[in-house]
PDB file of N, CA and C in Angstrom:
ATOM      1  N   UNK A   1     -77.388 -42.882  13.268  1.00  0.00           N
ATOM      2  CA  UNK A   1     -77.953 -44.108  12.735  1.00  0.00           C
ATOM      3  C   UNK A   1     -79.467 -43.985  12.720  1.00  0.00           C
ATOM      4  N   UNK A   2     -80.106 -44.438  11.691  1.00  0.00           N
ATOM      5  CA  UNK A   2     -81.552 -44.369  11.568  1.00  0.00           C
ATOM      6  C   UNK A   2     -82.181 -45.749  11.635  1.00  0.00           C
ATOM      7  N   UNK A   3     -81.903 -46.482  12.686  1.00  0.00           N
ATOM      8  CA  UNK A   3     -82.540 -47.784  12.889  1.00  0.00           C
ATOM      9  C   UNK A   3     -84.008 -47.543  13.204  1.00  0.00           C
ATOM     10  N   UNK A   4     -84.878 -48.443  12.766  1.00  0.00           N
ATOM     11  CA  UNK A   4     -86.301 -48.263  13.044  1.00  0.00           C
ATOM     12  C   UNK A   4     -86.610 -48.391  14.530  1.00  0.00           C
ATOM     13  N   UNK A   5     -87.715 -47.792  14.946  1.00  0.00           N
ATOM     14  CA  UNK A   5     -88.169 -47.919  16.334  1.00  0.00           C
ATOM     15  C   UNK A   5     -88.610 -49.352  16.582  1.00  0.00           C
ATOM     16  N   UNK A   6     -88.205 -49.890  17.706  1.00  0.00           N
ATOM     17  CA  UNK A   6     -88.573 -51.250  18.095  1.00  0.00           C
ATOM     18  C   UNK A   6     -89.339 -51.152  19.412  1.00  0.00           C
ATOM     19  N   UNK A   7     -90.541 -51.728  19.449  1.00  0.00           N
ATOM     20  CA  UNK A   7     -91.357 -51.684  20.669  1.00  0.00           C
ATOM     21  C   UNK A   7     -90.715 -52.547  21.755  1.00  0.00           C
ATOM     22  N   UNK A   8     -91.190 -52.393  22.985  1.00  0.00           N
ATOM     23  CA  UNK A   8     -90.672 -53.187  24.101  1.00  0.00           C
ATOM     24  C   UNK A   8     -90.837 -54.684  23.831  1.00  0.00           C
ATOM     25  N   UNK A   9     -91.990 -55.079  23.334  1.00  0.00           N
ATOM     26  CA  UNK A   9     -92.231 -56.497  23.044  1.00  0.00           C
ATOM     27  C   UNK A   9     -91.331 -56.987  21.913  1.00  0.00           C
ATOM     28  N   UNK A  10     -91.122 -56.145  20.899  1.00  0.00           N
ATOM     29  CA  UNK A  10     -90.222 -56.521  19.807  1.00  0.00           C
ATOM     30  C   UNK A  10     -88.785 -56.687  20.314  1.00  0.00           C
ATOM     31  N   UNK A  11     -88.398 -55.878  21.293  1.00  0.00           N
ATOM     32  CA  UNK A  11     -87.063 -56.025  21.898  1.00  0.00           C
ATOM     33  C   UNK A  11     -86.911 -57.414  22.510  1.00  0.00           C
ATOM     34  N   UNK A  12     -87.950 -57.898  23.186  1.00  0.00           N
ATOM     35  CA  UNK A  12     -87.884 -59.233  23.800  1.00  0.00           C
ATOM     36  C   UNK A  12     -87.655 -60.304  22.740  1.00  0.00           C
ATOM     37  N   UNK A  13     -88.383 -60.203  21.646  1.00  0.00           N
ATOM     38  CA  UNK A  13     -88.218 -61.157  20.538  1.00  0.00           C
ATOM     39  C   UNK A  13     -86.812 -61.046  19.968  1.00  0.00           C
ATOM     40  N   UNK A  14     -86.337 -59.819  19.768  1.00  0.00           N
ATOM     41  CA  UNK A  14     -85.008 -59.624  19.190  1.00  0.00           C
ATOM     42  C   UNK A  14     -83.905 -60.138  20.105  1.00  0.00           C
ATOM     43  N   UNK A  15     -84.044 -59.943  21.424  1.00  0.00           N
ATOM     44  CA  UNK A  15     -83.019 -60.455  22.341  1.00  0.00           C
ATOM     45  C   UNK A  15     -82.887 -61.968  22.213  1.00  0.00           C
ATOM     46  N   UNK A  16     -84.013 -62.656  22.122  1.00  0.00           N
ATOM     47  CA  UNK A  16     -83.973 -64.113  21.937  1.00  0.00           C
ATOM     48  C   UNK A  16     -83.291 -64.460  20.623  1.00  0.00           C
ATOM     49  N   UNK A  17     -83.625 -63.739  19.575  1.00  0.00           N
ATOM     50  CA  UNK A  17     -83.035 -64.016  18.259  1.00  0.00           C
ATOM     51  C   UNK A  17     -81.544 -63.709  18.252  1.00  0.00           C
ATOM     52  N   UNK A  18     -81.141 -62.544  18.773  1.00  0.00           N
ATOM     53  CA  UNK A  18     -79.722 -62.186  18.797  1.00  0.00           C
ATOM     54  C   UNK A  18     -78.899 -63.221  19.557  1.00  0.00           C
ATOM     55  N   UNK A  19     -79.458 -63.755  20.627  1.00  0.00           N
ATOM     56  CA  UNK A  19     -78.717 -64.710  21.457  1.00  0.00           C
ATOM     57  C   UNK A  19     -78.550 -66.080  20.812  1.00  0.00           C
ATOM     58  N   UNK A  20     -79.438 -66.431  19.867  1.00  0.00           N
ATOM     59  CA  UNK A  20     -79.433 -67.813  19.358  1.00  0.00           C
ATOM     60  C   UNK A  20     -79.678 -67.923  17.855  1.00  0.00           C
ATOM     61  N   UNK A  21     -79.506 -66.861  17.096  1.00  0.00           N
ATOM     62  CA  UNK A  21     -79.843 -66.911  15.675  1.00  0.00           C
ATOM     63  C   UNK A  21     -78.908 -67.804  14.878  1.00  0.00           C
ATOM     64  N   UNK A  22     -79.395 -68.291  13.752  1.00  0.00           N
ATOM     65  CA  UNK A  22     -80.731 -68.161  13.172  1.00  0.00           C
ATOM     66  C   UNK A  22     -81.726 -69.080  13.876  1.00  0.00           C
ATOM     67  N   UNK A  23     -83.007 -68.666  13.845  1.00  0.00           N
ATOM     68  CA  UNK A  23     -84.042 -69.439  14.538  1.00  0.00           C
ATOM     69  C   UNK A  23     -85.362 -69.349  13.785  1.00  0.00           C
ATOM     70  N   UNK A  24     -86.182 -70.371  13.975  1.00  0.00           N
ATOM     71  CA  UNK A  24     -87.561 -70.334  13.498  1.00  0.00           C
ATOM     72  C   UNK A  24     -88.408 -69.612  14.537  1.00  0.00           C
ATOM     73  N   UNK A  25     -89.624 -69.260  14.172  1.00  0.00           N
ATOM     74  CA  UNK A  25     -90.534 -68.611  15.119  1.00  0.00           C
ATOM     75  C   UNK A  25     -90.829 -69.521  16.310  1.00  0.00           C
ATOM     76  N   UNK A  26     -90.930 -70.821  16.079  1.00  0.00           N
ATOM     77  CA  UNK A  26     -91.166 -71.778  17.173  1.00  0.00           C
ATOM     78  C   UNK A  26     -89.989 -71.772  18.133  1.00  0.00           C
ATOM     79  N   UNK A  27     -88.778 -71.698  17.607  1.00  0.00           N
ATOM     80  CA  UNK A  27     -87.581 -71.649  18.458  1.00  0.00           C
ATOM     81  C   UNK A  27     -87.509 -70.335  19.231  1.00  0.00           C
ATOM     82  N   UNK A  28     -87.935 -69.230  18.610  1.00  0.00           N
ATOM     83  CA  UNK A  28     -87.964 -67.949  19.311  1.00  0.00           C
ATOM     84  C   UNK A  28     -88.913 -68.048  20.500  1.00  0.00           C
ATOM     85  N   UNK A  29     -90.109 -68.584  20.279  1.00  0.00           N
ATOM     86  CA  UNK A  29     -91.078 -68.735  21.365  1.00  0.00           C
ATOM     87  C   UNK A  29     -90.488 -69.547  22.517  1.00  0.00           C
ATOM     88  N   UNK A  30     -89.774 -70.606  22.204  1.00  0.00           N
ATOM     89  CA  UNK A  30     -89.188 -71.458  23.242  1.00  0.00           C
ATOM     90  C   UNK A  30     -88.131 -70.718  24.069  1.00  0.00           C
ATOM     91  N   UNK A  31     -87.526 -69.674  23.519  1.00  0.00           N
ATOM     92  CA  UNK A  31     -86.465 -68.933  24.210  1.00  0.00           C
ATOM     93  C   UNK A  31     -86.976 -67.752  25.029  1.00  0.00           C
ATOM     94  N   UNK A  32     -88.240 -67.390  24.869  1.00  0.00           N
ATOM     95  CA  UNK A  32     -88.764 -66.255  25.618  1.00  0.00           C
ATOM     96  C   UNK A  32     -88.912 -66.642  27.083  1.00  0.00           C
ATOM     97  N   UNK A  33     -88.720 -65.680  27.952  1.00  0.00           N
ATOM     98  CA  UNK A  33     -88.511 -65.969  29.369  1.00  0.00           C
ATOM     99  C   UNK A  33     -89.762 -66.159  30.206  1.00  0.00           C
ATOM    100  N   UNK A  34     -90.916 -66.011  29.652  1.00  0.00           N
ATOM    101  CA  UNK A  34     -92.124 -66.174  30.452  1.00  0.00           C
ATOM    102  C   UNK A  34     -93.232 -66.793  29.616  1.00  0.00           C
ATOM    103  N   UNK A  35     -94.316 -67.126  30.274  1.00  0.00           N
ATOM    104  CA  UNK A  35     -95.403 -67.857  29.626  1.00  0.00           C
ATOM    105  C   UNK A  35     -96.495 -66.961  29.058  1.00  0.00           C
ATOM    106  N   UNK A  36     -96.232 -65.690  28.917  1.00  0.00           N
ATOM    107  CA  UNK A  36     -97.248 -64.775  28.396  1.00  0.00           C
ATOM    108  C   UNK A  36     -97.314 -64.751  26.870  1.00  0.00           C
ATOM    109  N   UNK A  37     -96.375 -65.398  26.230  1.00  0.00           N
ATOM    110  CA  UNK A  37     -96.273 -65.363  24.781  1.00  0.00           C
ATOM    111  C   UNK A  37     -97.047 -66.511  24.143  1.00  0.00           C
ATOM    112  N   UNK A  38     -97.642 -66.231  22.994  1.00  0.00           N
ATOM    113  CA  UNK A  38     -98.301 -67.240  22.173  1.00  0.00           C
ATOM    114  C   UNK A  38     -97.592 -67.267  20.820  1.00  0.00           C
ATOM    115  N   UNK A  39     -97.670 -68.388  20.130  1.00  0.00           N
ATOM    116  CA  UNK A  39     -96.981 -68.514  18.854  1.00  0.00           C
ATOM    117  C   UNK A  39     -97.445 -67.468  17.845  1.00  0.00           C
ATOM    118  N   UNK A  40     -98.743 -67.219  17.809  1.00  0.00           N
ATOM    119  CA  UNK A  40     -99.279 -66.244  16.846  1.00  0.00           C
ATOM    120  C   UNK A  40     -98.694 -64.855  17.100  1.00  0.00           C
ATOM    121  N   UNK A  41     -98.514 -64.506  18.366  1.00  0.00           N
ATOM    122  CA  UNK A  41     -97.943 -63.205  18.725  1.00  0.00           C
ATOM    123  C   UNK A  41     -96.495 -63.103  18.255  1.00  0.00           C
ATOM    124  N   UNK A  42     -95.720 -64.145  18.500  1.00  0.00           N
ATOM    125  CA  UNK A  42     -94.314 -64.156  18.062  1.00  0.00           C
ATOM    126  C   UNK A  42     -94.252 -64.033  16.543  1.00  0.00           C
ATOM    127  N   UNK A  43     -95.091 -64.782  15.856  1.00  0.00           N
ATOM    128  CA  UNK A  43     -95.126 -64.714  14.391  1.00  0.00           C
ATOM    129  C   UNK A  43     -95.416 -63.284  13.929  1.00  0.00           C
ATOM    130  N   UNK A  44     -96.396 -62.645  14.565  1.00  0.00           N
ATOM    131  CA  UNK A  44     -96.768 -61.278  14.204  1.00  0.00           C
ATOM    132  C   UNK A  44     -95.603 -60.321  14.398  1.00  0.00           C
ATOM    133  N   UNK A  45     -94.915 -60.441  15.533  1.00  0.00           N
ATOM    134  CA  UNK A  45     -93.776 -59.553  15.781  1.00  0.00           C
ATOM    135  C   UNK A  45     -92.646 -59.795  14.789  1.00  0.00           C
ATOM    136  N   UNK A  46     -92.385 -61.029  14.440  1.00  0.00           N
ATOM    137  CA  UNK A  46     -91.331 -61.317  13.462  1.00  0.00           C
ATOM    138  C   UNK A  46     -91.682 -60.736  12.092  1.00  0.00           C
ATOM    139  N   UNK A  47     -92.942 -60.802  11.707  1.00  0.00           N
ATOM    140  CA  UNK A  47     -93.378 -60.197  10.442  1.00  0.00           C
ATOM    141  C   UNK A  47     -93.189 -58.679  10.497  1.00  0.00           C
ATOM    142  N   UNK A  48     -93.558 -58.067  11.618  1.00  0.00           N
ATOM    143  CA  UNK A  48     -93.375 -56.620  11.776  1.00  0.00           C
ATOM    144  C   UNK A  48     -91.901 -56.238  11.717  1.00  0.00           C
ATOM    145  N   UNK A  49     -91.062 -57.007  12.417  1.00  0.00           N
ATOM    146  CA  UNK A  49     -89.627 -56.726  12.423  1.00  0.00           C
ATOM    147  C   UNK A  49     -89.025 -56.884  11.037  1.00  0.00           C
ATOM    148  N   UNK A  50     -89.536 -57.833  10.274  1.00  0.00           N
ATOM    149  CA  UNK A  50     -89.057 -58.001   8.898  1.00  0.00           C
ATOM    150  C   UNK A  50     -89.475 -56.800   8.049  1.00  0.00           C
ATOM    151  N   UNK A  51     -90.711 -56.324   8.225  1.00  0.00           N
ATOM    152  CA  UNK A  51     -91.191 -55.154   7.482  1.00  0.00           C
ATOM    153  C   UNK A  51     -90.378 -53.903   7.831  1.00  0.00           C
ATOM    154  N   UNK A  52     -89.882 -53.836   9.064  1.00  0.00           N
ATOM    155  CA  UNK A  52     -89.070 -52.696   9.505  1.00  0.00           C
ATOM    156  C   UNK A  52     -87.614 -52.819   9.052  1.00  0.00           C
ATOM    157  N   UNK A  53     -87.238 -53.966   8.500  1.00  0.00           N
ATOM    158  CA  UNK A  53     -85.857 -54.159   8.053  1.00  0.00           C
ATOM    159  C   UNK A  53     -84.902 -54.554   9.155  1.00  0.00           C
ATOM    160  N   UNK A  54     -85.424 -55.070  10.269  1.00  0.00           N
ATOM    161  CA  UNK A  54     -84.580 -55.466  11.391  1.00  0.00           C
ATOM    162  C   UNK A  54     -84.167 -56.933  11.259  1.00  0.00           C
ATOM    163  N   UNK A  55     -85.040 -57.756  10.681  1.00  0.00           N
ATOM    164  CA  UNK A  55     -84.738 -59.172  10.463  1.00  0.00           C
ATOM    165  C   UNK A  55     -85.057 -59.537   9.017  1.00  0.00           C
ATOM    166  N   UNK A  56     -84.530 -60.668   8.613  1.00  0.00           N
ATOM    167  CA  UNK A  56     -84.904 -61.253   7.329  1.00  0.00           C
ATOM    168  C   UNK A  56     -85.267 -62.704   7.567  1.00  0.00           C
ATOM    169  N   UNK A  57     -86.079 -63.251   6.676  1.00  0.00           N
ATOM    170  CA  UNK A  57     -86.438 -64.658   6.805  1.00  0.00           C
ATOM    171  C   UNK A  57     -86.126 -65.388   5.513  1.00  0.00           C
ATOM    172  N   UNK A  58     -85.860 -66.663   5.680  1.00  0.00           N
ATOM    173  CA  UNK A  58     -85.600 -67.531   4.540  1.00  0.00           C
ATOM    174  C   UNK A  58     -86.384 -68.815   4.772  1.00  0.00           C
ATOM    175  N   UNK A  59     -87.114 -69.226   3.765  1.00  0.00           N
ATOM    176  CA  UNK A  59     -87.906 -70.448   3.888  1.00  0.00           C
ATOM    177  C   UNK A  59     -86.975 -71.648   3.845  1.00  0.00           C
ATOM    178  N   UNK A  60     -87.043 -72.475   4.874  1.00  0.00           N
ATOM    179  CA  UNK A  60     -86.272 -73.722   4.929  1.00  0.00           C
ATOM    180  C   UNK A  60     -87.234 -74.829   5.309  1.00  0.00           C
ATOM    181  N   UNK A  61     -87.577 -75.669   4.344  1.00  0.00           N
ATOM    182  CA  UNK A  61     -88.563 -76.714   4.584  1.00  0.00           C
ATOM    183  C   UNK A  61     -89.918 -76.079   4.791  1.00  0.00           C
ATOM    184  N   UNK A  62     -90.553 -76.380   5.914  1.00  0.00           N
ATOM    185  CA  UNK A  62     -91.894 -75.863   6.196  1.00  0.00           C
ATOM    186  C   UNK A  62     -91.878 -74.619   7.082  1.00  0.00           C
ATOM    187  N   UNK A  63     -90.705 -74.125   7.433  1.00  0.00           N
ATOM    188  CA  UNK A  63     -90.627 -72.994   8.368  1.00  0.00           C
ATOM    189  C   UNK A  63     -89.765 -71.874   7.802  1.00  0.00           C
ATOM    190  N   UNK A  64     -90.042 -70.663   8.255  1.00  0.00           N
ATOM    191  CA  UNK A  64     -89.171 -69.530   7.982  1.00  0.00           C
ATOM    192  C   UNK A  64     -88.092 -69.503   9.054  1.00  0.00           C
ATOM    193  N   UNK A  65     -86.871 -69.268   8.629  1.00  0.00           N
ATOM    194  CA  UNK A  65     -85.753 -69.125   9.550  1.00  0.00           C
ATOM    195  C   UNK A  65     -85.362 -67.649   9.546  1.00  0.00           C
ATOM    196  N   UNK A  66     -85.281 -67.077  10.749  1.00  0.00           N
ATOM    197  CA  UNK A  66     -85.047 -65.641  10.905  1.00  0.00           C
ATOM    198  C   UNK A  66     -83.617 -65.356  11.331  1.00  0.00           C
ATOM    199  N   UNK A  67     -83.082 -64.268  10.750  1.00  0.00           N
ATOM    200  CA  UNK A  67     -81.749 -63.757  11.089  1.00  0.00           C
ATOM    201  C   UNK A  67     -81.868 -62.238  11.231  1.00  0.00           C
ATOM    202  N   UNK A  68     -81.072 -61.691  12.104  1.00  0.00           N
ATOM    203  CA  UNK A  68     -81.099 -60.233  12.272  1.00  0.00           C
ATOM    204  C   UNK A  68     -80.334 -59.556  11.145  1.00  0.00           C
ATOM    205  N   UNK A  69     -80.802 -58.399  10.763  1.00  0.00           N
ATOM    206  CA  UNK A  69     -80.097 -57.557   9.797  1.00  0.00           C
ATOM    207  C   UNK A  69     -79.364 -56.419  10.494  1.00  0.00           C
ATOM    208  N   UNK A  70     -79.783 -56.123  11.720  1.00  0.00           N
ATOM    209  CA  UNK A  70     -79.133 -55.103  12.544  1.00  0.00           C
ATOM    210  C   UNK A  70     -78.661 -55.760  13.828  1.00  0.00           C
ATOM    211  N   UNK A  71     -77.490 -55.371  14.285  1.00  0.00           N
ATOM    212  CA  UNK A  71     -76.962 -55.950  15.516  1.00  0.00           C
ATOM    213  C   UNK A  71     -77.651 -55.325  16.732  1.00  0.00           C
ATOM    214  N   UNK A  72     -77.513 -56.003  17.847  1.00  0.00           N
ATOM    215  CA  UNK A  72     -78.069 -55.470  19.092  1.00  0.00           C
ATOM    216  C   UNK A  72     -77.443 -54.117  19.417  1.00  0.00           C
ATOM    217  N   UNK A  73     -76.147 -53.984  19.204  1.00  0.00           N
ATOM    218  CA  UNK A  73     -75.492 -52.710  19.518  1.00  0.00           C
ATOM    219  C   UNK A  73     -75.978 -51.587  18.598  1.00  0.00           C
ATOM    220  N   UNK A  74     -76.268 -51.882  17.335  1.00  0.00           N
ATOM    221  CA  UNK A  74     -76.804 -50.863  16.430  1.00  0.00           C
ATOM    222  C   UNK A  74     -78.183 -50.387  16.914  1.00  0.00           C
ATOM    223  N   UNK A  75     -79.030 -51.330  17.294  1.00  0.00           N
ATOM    224  CA  UNK A  75     -80.365 -50.973  17.780  1.00  0.00           C
ATOM    225  C   UNK A  75     -80.294 -50.267  19.120  1.00  0.00           C
ATOM    226  N   UNK A  76     -79.407 -50.704  19.990  1.00  0.00           N
ATOM    227  CA  UNK A  76     -79.235 -50.072  21.297  1.00  0.00           C
ATOM    228  C   UNK A  76     -78.753 -48.629  21.126  1.00  0.00           C
ATOM    229  N   UNK A  77     -77.814 -48.425  20.203  1.00  0.00           N
ATOM    230  CA  UNK A  77     -77.284 -47.082  19.952  1.00  0.00           C
ATOM    231  C   UNK A  77     -78.405 -46.149  19.466  1.00  0.00           C
ATOM    232  N   UNK A  78     -79.225 -46.627  18.531  1.00  0.00           N
ATOM    233  CA  UNK A  78     -80.322 -45.806  18.014  1.00  0.00           C
ATOM    234  C   UNK A  78     -81.349 -45.520  19.103  1.00  0.00           C
ATOM    235  N   UNK A  79     -81.700 -46.539  19.869  1.00  0.00           N
ATOM    236  CA  UNK A  79     -82.676 -46.376  20.955  1.00  0.00           C
ATOM    237  C   UNK A  79     -82.121 -45.432  22.020  1.00  0.00           C
ATOM    238  N   UNK A  80     -80.843 -45.553  22.330  1.00  0.00           N
ATOM    239  CA  UNK A  80     -80.214 -44.680  23.325  1.00  0.00           C
ATOM    240  C   UNK A  80     -80.226 -43.228  22.886  1.00  0.00           C
ATOM    241  N   UNK A  81     -79.964 -42.987  21.621  1.00  0.00           N
ATOM    242  CA  UNK A  81     -79.985 -41.619  21.101  1.00  0.00           C
ATOM    243  C   UNK A  81     -81.382 -41.022  21.182  1.00  0.00           C
ATOM    244  N   UNK A  82     -82.390 -41.826  20.844  1.00  0.00           N
ATOM    245  CA  UNK A  82     -83.773 -41.356  20.913  1.00  0.00           C
ATOM    246  C   UNK A  82     -84.175 -41.074  22.361  1.00  0.00           C
ATOM    247  N   UNK A  83     -83.773 -41.968  23.276  1.00  0.00           N
ATOM    248  CA  UNK A  83     -84.062 -41.801  24.698  1.00  0.00           C
ATOM    249  C   UNK A  83     -83.389 -40.532  25.232  1.00  0.00           C
ATOM    250  N   UNK A  84     -82.119 -40.346  24.911  1.00  0.00           N
ATOM    251  CA  UNK A  84     -81.374 -39.178  25.363  1.00  0.00           C
ATOM    252  C   UNK A  84     -82.054 -37.901  24.896  1.00  0.00           C
ATOM    253  N   UNK A  85     -82.443 -37.879  23.639  1.00  0.00           N
ATOM    254  CA  UNK A  85     -83.091 -36.699  23.081  1.00  0.00           C
ATOM    255  C   UNK A  85     -84.449 -36.443  23.722  1.00  0.00           C
ATOM    256  N   UNK A  86     -85.238 -37.486  23.882  1.00  0.00           N
ATOM    257  CA  UNK A  86     -86.611 -37.340  24.392  1.00  0.00           C
ATOM    258  C   UNK A  86     -86.640 -37.012  25.883  1.00  0.00           C
ATOM    259  N   UNK A  87     -85.872 -37.735  26.687  1.00  0.00           N
ATOM    260  CA  UNK A  87     -85.986 -37.614  28.138  1.00  0.00           C
ATOM    261  C   UNK A  87     -85.038 -36.576  28.719  1.00  0.00           C
ATOM    262  N   UNK A  88     -83.831 -36.463  28.163  1.00  0.00           N
ATOM    263  CA  UNK A  88     -82.821 -35.566  28.734  1.00  0.00           C
ATOM    264  C   UNK A  88     -82.441 -34.418  27.805  1.00  0.00           C
ATOM    265  N   UNK A  89     -83.298 -34.151  26.809  1.00  0.00           N
ATOM    266  CA  UNK A  89     -83.096 -33.035  25.878  1.00  0.00           C
ATOM    267  C   UNK A  89     -81.738 -33.084  25.200  1.00  0.00           C
ATOM    268  N   UNK A  90     -81.233 -34.295  25.009  1.00  0.00           N
ATOM    269  CA  UNK A  90     -79.966 -34.483  24.318  1.00  0.00           C
ATOM    270  C   UNK A  90     -78.732 -34.212  25.168  1.00  0.00           C
ATOM    271  N   UNK A  91     -78.917 -33.997  26.453  1.00  0.00           N
ATOM    272  CA  UNK A  91     -77.793 -33.658  27.327  1.00  0.00           C
ATOM    273  C   UNK A  91     -77.284 -34.914  28.047  1.00  0.00           C
ATOM    274  N   UNK A  92     -76.040 -35.258  27.813  1.00  0.00           N
ATOM    275  CA  UNK A  92     -75.465 -36.487  28.346  1.00  0.00           C
ATOM    276  C   UNK A  92     -75.210 -36.414  29.853  1.00  0.00           C
ATOM    277  N   UNK A  93     -74.638 -35.311  30.339  1.00  0.00           N
ATOM    278  CA  UNK A  93     -74.264 -35.221  31.755  1.00  0.00           C
ATOM    279  C   UNK A  93     -75.463 -35.425  32.691  1.00  0.00           C
ATOM    280  N   UNK A  94     -76.608 -34.765  32.475  1.00  0.00           N
ATOM    281  CA  UNK A  94     -77.745 -35.012  33.370  1.00  0.00           C
ATOM    282  C   UNK A  94     -78.220 -36.469  33.317  1.00  0.00           C
ATOM    283  N   UNK A  95     -78.145 -37.085  32.161  1.00  0.00           N
ATOM    284  CA  UNK A  95     -78.547 -38.486  32.063  1.00  0.00           C
ATOM    285  C   UNK A  95     -77.602 -39.366  32.876  1.00  0.00           C
ATOM    286  N   UNK A  96     -76.307 -39.153  32.705  1.00  0.00           N
ATOM    287  CA  UNK A  96     -75.321 -39.944  33.449  1.00  0.00           C
ATOM    288  C   UNK A  96     -75.507 -39.748  34.947  1.00  0.00           C
ATOM    289  N   UNK A  97     -75.655 -38.513  35.382  1.00  0.00           N
ATOM    290  CA  UNK A  97     -75.854 -38.236  36.806  1.00  0.00           C
ATOM    291  C   UNK A  97     -77.111 -38.911  37.334  1.00  0.00           C
ATOM    292  N   UNK A  98     -78.177 -38.874  36.559  1.00  0.00           N
ATOM    293  CA  UNK A  98     -79.416 -39.525  36.972  1.00  0.00           C
ATOM    294  C   UNK A  98     -79.184 -41.007  37.252  1.00  0.00           C
ATOM    295  N   UNK A  99     -78.552 -41.705  36.315  1.00  0.00           N
ATOM    296  CA  UNK A  99     -78.356 -43.143  36.493  1.00  0.00           C
ATOM    297  C   UNK A  99     -77.337 -43.457  37.584  1.00  0.00           C
ATOM    298  N   UNK A 100     -76.300 -42.666  37.689  1.00  0.00           N
ATOM    299  CA  UNK A 100     -75.299 -42.898  38.739  1.00  0.00           C
ATOM    300  C   UNK A 100     -75.909 -42.699  40.123  1.00  0.00           C
ATOM    301  N   UNK A 101     -76.752 -41.691  40.266  1.00  0.00           N
ATOM    302  CA  UNK A 101     -77.355 -41.405  41.568  1.00  0.00           C
ATOM    303  C   UNK A 101     -78.506 -42.343  41.921  1.00  0.00           C
ATOM    304  N   UNK A 102     -79.196 -42.896  40.925  1.00  0.00           N
ATOM    305  CA  UNK A 102     -80.437 -43.633  41.185  1.00  0.00           C
ATOM    306  C   UNK A 102     -80.372 -45.138  40.951  1.00  0.00           C
ATOM    307  N   UNK A 103     -79.281 -45.644  40.430  1.00  0.00           N
ATOM    308  CA  UNK A 103     -79.174 -47.080  40.160  1.00  0.00           C
ATOM    309  C   UNK A 103     -78.039 -47.680  40.988  1.00  0.00           C
ATOM    310  N   UNK A 104     -78.165 -48.965  41.285  1.00  0.00           N
ATOM    311  CA  UNK A 104     -77.101 -49.677  41.996  1.00  0.00           C
ATOM    312  C   UNK A 104     -75.928 -49.903  41.041  1.00  0.00           C
ATOM    313  N   UNK A 105     -74.734 -49.557  41.474  1.00  0.00           N
ATOM    314  CA  UNK A 105     -73.528 -49.756  40.677  1.00  0.00           C
ATOM    315  C   UNK A 105     -72.565 -50.644  41.452  1.00  0.00           C
ATOM    316  N   UNK A 106     -72.067 -51.658  40.768  1.00  0.00           N
ATOM    317  CA  UNK A 106     -71.055 -52.518  41.386  1.00  0.00           C
ATOM    318  C   UNK A 106     -69.701 -51.823  41.298  1.00  0.00           C
ATOM    319  N   UNK A 107     -68.725 -52.364  41.993  1.00  0.00           N
ATOM    320  CA  UNK A 107     -67.362 -51.841  41.882  1.00  0.00           C
ATOM    321  C   UNK A 107     -66.852 -51.937  40.460  1.00  0.00           C
ATOM    322  N   UNK A 108     -67.194 -53.033  39.786  1.00  0.00           N
ATOM    323  CA  UNK A 108     -66.786 -53.195  38.385  1.00  0.00           C
ATOM    324  C   UNK A 108     -67.433 -52.137  37.499  1.00  0.00           C
ATOM    325  N   UNK A 109     -68.723 -51.820  37.766  1.00  0.00           N
ATOM    326  CA  UNK A 109     -69.405 -50.776  36.999  1.00  0.00           C
ATOM    327  C   UNK A 109     -68.682 -49.440  37.170  1.00  0.00           C
ATOM    328  N   UNK A 110     -68.336 -49.124  38.402  1.00  0.00           N
ATOM    329  CA  UNK A 110     -67.669 -47.852  38.694  1.00  0.00           C
ATOM    330  C   UNK A 110     -66.293 -47.806  38.026  1.00  0.00           C
ATOM    331  N   UNK A 111     -65.556 -48.905  38.103  1.00  0.00           N
ATOM    332  CA  UNK A 111     -64.243 -48.963  37.439  1.00  0.00           C
ATOM    333  C   UNK A 111     -64.390 -48.763  35.933  1.00  0.00           C
ATOM    334  N   UNK A 112     -65.390 -49.391  35.338  1.00  0.00           N
ATOM    335  CA  UNK A 112     -65.615 -49.263  33.890  1.00  0.00           C
ATOM    336  C   UNK A 112     -65.991 -47.829  33.530  1.00  0.00           C
ATOM    337  N   UNK A 113     -66.825 -47.189  34.342  1.00  0.00           N
ATOM    338  CA  UNK A 113     -67.173 -45.786  34.091  1.00  0.00           C
ATOM    339  C   UNK A 113     -65.943 -44.890  34.176  1.00  0.00           C
ATOM    340  N   UNK A 114     -65.116 -45.125  35.180  1.00  0.00           N
ATOM    341  CA  UNK A 114     -63.869 -44.339  35.303  1.00  0.00           C
ATOM    342  C   UNK A 114     -62.996 -44.499  34.063  1.00  0.00           C
ATOM    343  N   UNK A 115     -62.835 -45.761  33.637  1.00  0.00           N
ATOM    344  CA  UNK A 115     -61.995 -46.046  32.474  1.00  0.00           C
ATOM    345  C   UNK A 115     -62.517 -45.324  31.230  1.00  0.00           C
ATOM    346  N   UNK A 116     -63.813 -45.397  31.012  1.00  0.00           N
ATOM    347  CA  UNK A 116     -64.424 -44.755  29.836  1.00  0.00           C
ATOM    348  C   UNK A 116     -64.256 -43.235  29.903  1.00  0.00           C
ATOM    349  N   UNK A 117     -64.505 -42.652  31.071  1.00  0.00           N
ATOM    350  CA  UNK A 117     -64.371 -41.206  31.215  1.00  0.00           C
ATOM    351  C   UNK A 117     -62.924 -40.754  31.035  1.00  0.00           C
ATOM    352  N   UNK A 118     -61.980 -41.540  31.538  1.00  0.00           N
ATOM    353  CA  UNK A 118     -60.577 -41.197  31.354  1.00  0.00           C
ATOM    354  C   UNK A 118     -60.195 -41.247  29.878  1.00  0.00           C
ATOM    355  N   UNK A 119     -60.691 -42.248  29.155  1.00  0.00           N
ATOM    356  CA  UNK A 119     -60.414 -42.355  27.713  1.00  0.00           C
ATOM    357  C   UNK A 119     -61.031 -41.172  26.960  1.00  0.00           C
ATOM    358  N   UNK A 120     -62.240 -40.796  27.329  1.00  0.00           N
ATOM    359  CA  UNK A 120     -62.927 -39.689  26.661  1.00  0.00           C
ATOM    360  C   UNK A 120     -62.210 -38.364  26.935  1.00  0.00           C
ATOM    361  N   UNK A 121     -61.562 -38.257  28.109  1.00  0.00           N
ATOM    362  CA  UNK A 121     -60.893 -37.028  28.496  1.00  0.00           C
ATOM    363  C   UNK A 121     -59.550 -36.804  27.811  1.00  0.00           C
ATOM    364  N   UNK A 122     -59.057 -37.821  27.134  1.00  0.00           N
ATOM    365  CA  UNK A 122     -57.737 -37.689  26.485  1.00  0.00           C
ATOM    366  C   UNK A 122     -57.815 -36.944  25.190  1.00  0.00           C
TER     367      UNK A 122
END
């Protein structure tokens, strides 16, 4: 998949949009989790995301209403592939081992990993 690169800040905007779309820029700002955001910044990121083909806008009354053109899973898949290639030289096993050894895993996480690995092994 060739989804465009999305910056960390753009990811924050997209998470708000994916969770509650369609939304205006004012509504996106209201959904962001901290007070570091300004309306002008959100507007700028939405314009950038539209230029990248990640969102589209439609004028409704006095505001643009934004909708995603790519799903969160599509963007996550593209970002994951880029991360795997850049950090782990495209090798899945070292990446998996790194996260299993260095991150907290719940029992449910471990069960889900087992299930996925068993399915992949068939």
